[in-house]
Amino acid sequence: MLIPICPICGGKVVEKYVEKIVKGGNDVAILRIKAGVCEKCGERLYTKEVHKKIEEIRSELKQRTTELYKPIGRTYAYEGVIA
């Protein structure tokens, strides 16, 4: 259960589905997660269960045990400098 008041600014927290990008090693997963989101400052709050699952996914990415993940494209590192 999420708390109703934001611990950062005191704003109202509402339950929403959000996208969370999780990096593990050189791999990245995009997750759709239920979170509490502060209407005032945008802070995201997760339940202990959701936080635990995020850490499990991060560990799987680091270990490259990604058989259950669907590839959706490619990622590139831009080698130039942007000024």
C-alpha atoms as a PDB file:
ATOM      1  CA  MET A   1       0.000   0.000   0.000  1.00  0.00           C
ATOM      2  CA  LEU A   2       1.247   3.434  -0.926  1.00  0.00           C
ATOM      3  CA  ILE A   3       1.317   6.414   1.377  1.00  0.00           C
ATOM      4  CA  PRO A   4      -1.161   9.214   0.553  1.00  0.00           C
ATOM      5  CA  ILE A   5       1.234  12.142   1.171  1.00  0.00           C
ATOM      6  CA  CYS A   6       4.587  12.718  -0.553  1.00  0.00           C
ATOM      7  CA  PRO A   7       7.514  12.518   1.892  1.00  0.00           C
ATOM      8  CA  ILE A   8       9.465  15.018  -0.235  1.00  0.00           C
ATOM      9  CA  CYS A   9       7.025  17.924  -0.613  1.00  0.00           C
ATOM     10  CA  GLY A  10       3.806  16.981   1.194  1.00  0.00           C
ATOM     11  CA  GLY A  11       1.774  16.805  -2.029  1.00  0.00           C
ATOM     12  CA  LYS A  12      -0.999  14.313  -2.737  1.00  0.00           C
ATOM     13  CA  VAL A  13       0.144  10.886  -4.017  1.00  0.00           C
ATOM     14  CA  VAL A  14      -2.008   9.152  -6.639  1.00  0.00           C
ATOM     15  CA  GLU A  15      -1.636   5.638  -8.033  1.00  0.00           C
ATOM     16  CA  LYS A  16      -0.580   5.462 -11.702  1.00  0.00           C
ATOM     17  CA  TYR A  17       1.138   3.147 -14.158  1.00  0.00           C
ATOM     18  CA  VAL A  18       4.548   4.533 -15.109  1.00  0.00           C
ATOM     19  CA  GLU A  19       7.441   3.467 -17.323  1.00  0.00           C
ATOM     20  CA  LYS A  20      10.647   2.678 -15.476  1.00  0.00           C
ATOM     21  CA  ILE A  21      13.962   2.132 -17.245  1.00  0.00           C
ATOM     22  CA  VAL A  22      16.153  -0.379 -15.422  1.00  0.00           C
ATOM     23  CA  LYS A  23      19.817  -0.842 -16.323  1.00  0.00           C
ATOM     24  CA  GLY A  24      21.818  -3.934 -15.448  1.00  0.00           C
ATOM     25  CA  GLY A  25      25.336  -4.177 -16.843  1.00  0.00           C
ATOM     26  CA  ASN A  26      25.111  -3.026 -20.477  1.00  0.00           C
ATOM     27  CA  ASP A  27      21.493  -4.115 -20.859  1.00  0.00           C
ATOM     28  CA  VAL A  28      18.314  -2.132 -20.271  1.00  0.00           C
ATOM     29  CA  ALA A  29      14.694  -3.144 -19.653  1.00  0.00           C
ATOM     30  CA  ILE A  30      11.637  -0.905 -19.928  1.00  0.00           C
ATOM     31  CA  LEU A  31       9.039  -1.802 -17.320  1.00  0.00           C
ATOM     32  CA  ARG A  32       5.426  -0.759 -16.841  1.00  0.00           C
ATOM     33  CA  ILE A  33       4.988  -0.404 -13.095  1.00  0.00           C
ATOM     34  CA  LYS A  34       2.237   0.640 -10.699  1.00  0.00           C
ATOM     35  CA  ALA A  35       3.567   3.489  -8.577  1.00  0.00           C
ATOM     36  CA  GLY A  36       2.456   6.300  -6.345  1.00  0.00           C
ATOM     37  CA  VAL A  37       3.189   9.595  -8.069  1.00  0.00           C
ATOM     38  CA  CYS A  38       3.130  12.942  -6.303  1.00  0.00           C
ATOM     39  CA  GLU A  39       0.831  15.383  -8.093  1.00  0.00           C
ATOM     40  CA  LYS A  40       2.977  18.303  -6.928  1.00  0.00           C
ATOM     41  CA  CYS A  41       6.635  17.297  -7.456  1.00  0.00           C
ATOM     42  CA  GLY A  42       6.379  14.092  -9.536  1.00  0.00           C
ATOM     43  CA  GLU A  43       8.246  11.912  -7.019  1.00  0.00           C
ATOM     44  CA  ARG A  44       7.605   8.208  -7.638  1.00  0.00           C
ATOM     45  CA  LEU A  45       6.984   5.855  -4.737  1.00  0.00           C
ATOM     46  CA  TYR A  46       7.041   2.071  -5.054  1.00  0.00           C
ATOM     47  CA  THR A  47       5.810  -0.671  -2.761  1.00  0.00           C
ATOM     48  CA  LYS A  48       8.370  -3.041  -1.237  1.00  0.00           C
ATOM     49  CA  GLU A  49       7.163  -5.795  -3.585  1.00  0.00           C
ATOM     50  CA  VAL A  50       7.619  -3.645  -6.685  1.00  0.00           C
ATOM     51  CA  HIS A  51      11.037  -2.468  -5.500  1.00  0.00           C
ATOM     52  CA  LYS A  52      12.088  -6.095  -4.915  1.00  0.00           C
ATOM     53  CA  LYS A  53      10.952  -7.064  -8.440  1.00  0.00           C
ATOM     54  CA  ILE A  54      12.894  -4.128  -9.942  1.00  0.00           C
ATOM     55  CA  GLU A  55      16.046  -5.342  -8.173  1.00  0.00           C
ATOM     56  CA  GLU A  56      15.437  -8.927  -9.398  1.00  0.00           C
ATOM     57  CA  ILE A  57      15.144  -7.665 -12.972  1.00  0.00           C
ATOM     58  CA  ARG A  58      18.320  -5.579 -12.571  1.00  0.00           C
ATOM     59  CA  SER A  59      20.148  -8.696 -11.354  1.00  0.00           C
ATOM     60  CA  GLU A  60      18.847 -10.770 -14.294  1.00  0.00           C
ATOM     61  CA  LEU A  61      20.062  -8.106 -16.715  1.00  0.00           C
ATOM     62  CA  LYS A  62      23.515  -8.083 -15.107  1.00  0.00           C
ATOM     63  CA  GLN A  63      23.687 -11.896 -15.298  1.00  0.00           C
ATOM     64  CA  ARG A  64      22.284 -11.846 -18.862  1.00  0.00           C
ATOM     65  CA  THR A  65      19.476 -14.267 -17.947  1.00  0.00           C
ATOM     66  CA  THR A  66      17.053 -12.513 -20.263  1.00  0.00           C
ATOM     67  CA  GLU A  67      15.211 -15.393 -21.937  1.00  0.00           C
ATOM     68  CA  LEU A  68      11.856 -14.004 -20.746  1.00  0.00           C
ATOM     69  CA  TYR A  69      12.563 -10.519 -22.154  1.00  0.00           C
ATOM     70  CA  LYS A  70      11.378  -9.384 -25.573  1.00  0.00           C
ATOM     71  CA  PRO A  71      13.982  -7.554 -27.669  1.00  0.00           C
ATOM     72  CA  ILE A  72      12.518  -4.289 -28.993  1.00  0.00           C
ATOM     73  CA  GLY A  73      15.376  -2.667 -30.864  1.00  0.00           C
ATOM     74  CA  ARG A  74      19.029  -1.826 -30.558  1.00  0.00           C
ATOM     75  CA  THR A  75      20.928   0.622 -28.394  1.00  0.00           C
ATOM     76  CA  TYR A  76      23.906   2.641 -29.572  1.00  0.00           C
ATOM     77  CA  ALA A  77      26.549   4.649 -27.754  1.00  0.00           C
ATOM     78  CA  TYR A  78      27.275   7.937 -29.521  1.00  0.00           C
ATOM     79  CA  GLU A  79      31.044   8.408 -29.519  1.00  0.00           C
ATOM     80  CA  GLY A  80      31.078  12.101 -30.407  1.00  0.00           C
ATOM     81  CA  VAL A  81      30.958  15.065 -28.064  1.00  0.00           C
ATOM     82  CA  ILE A  82      27.895  17.281 -28.032  1.00  0.00           C
ATOM     83  CA  ALA A  83      28.667  20.858 -27.082  1.00  0.00           C
END
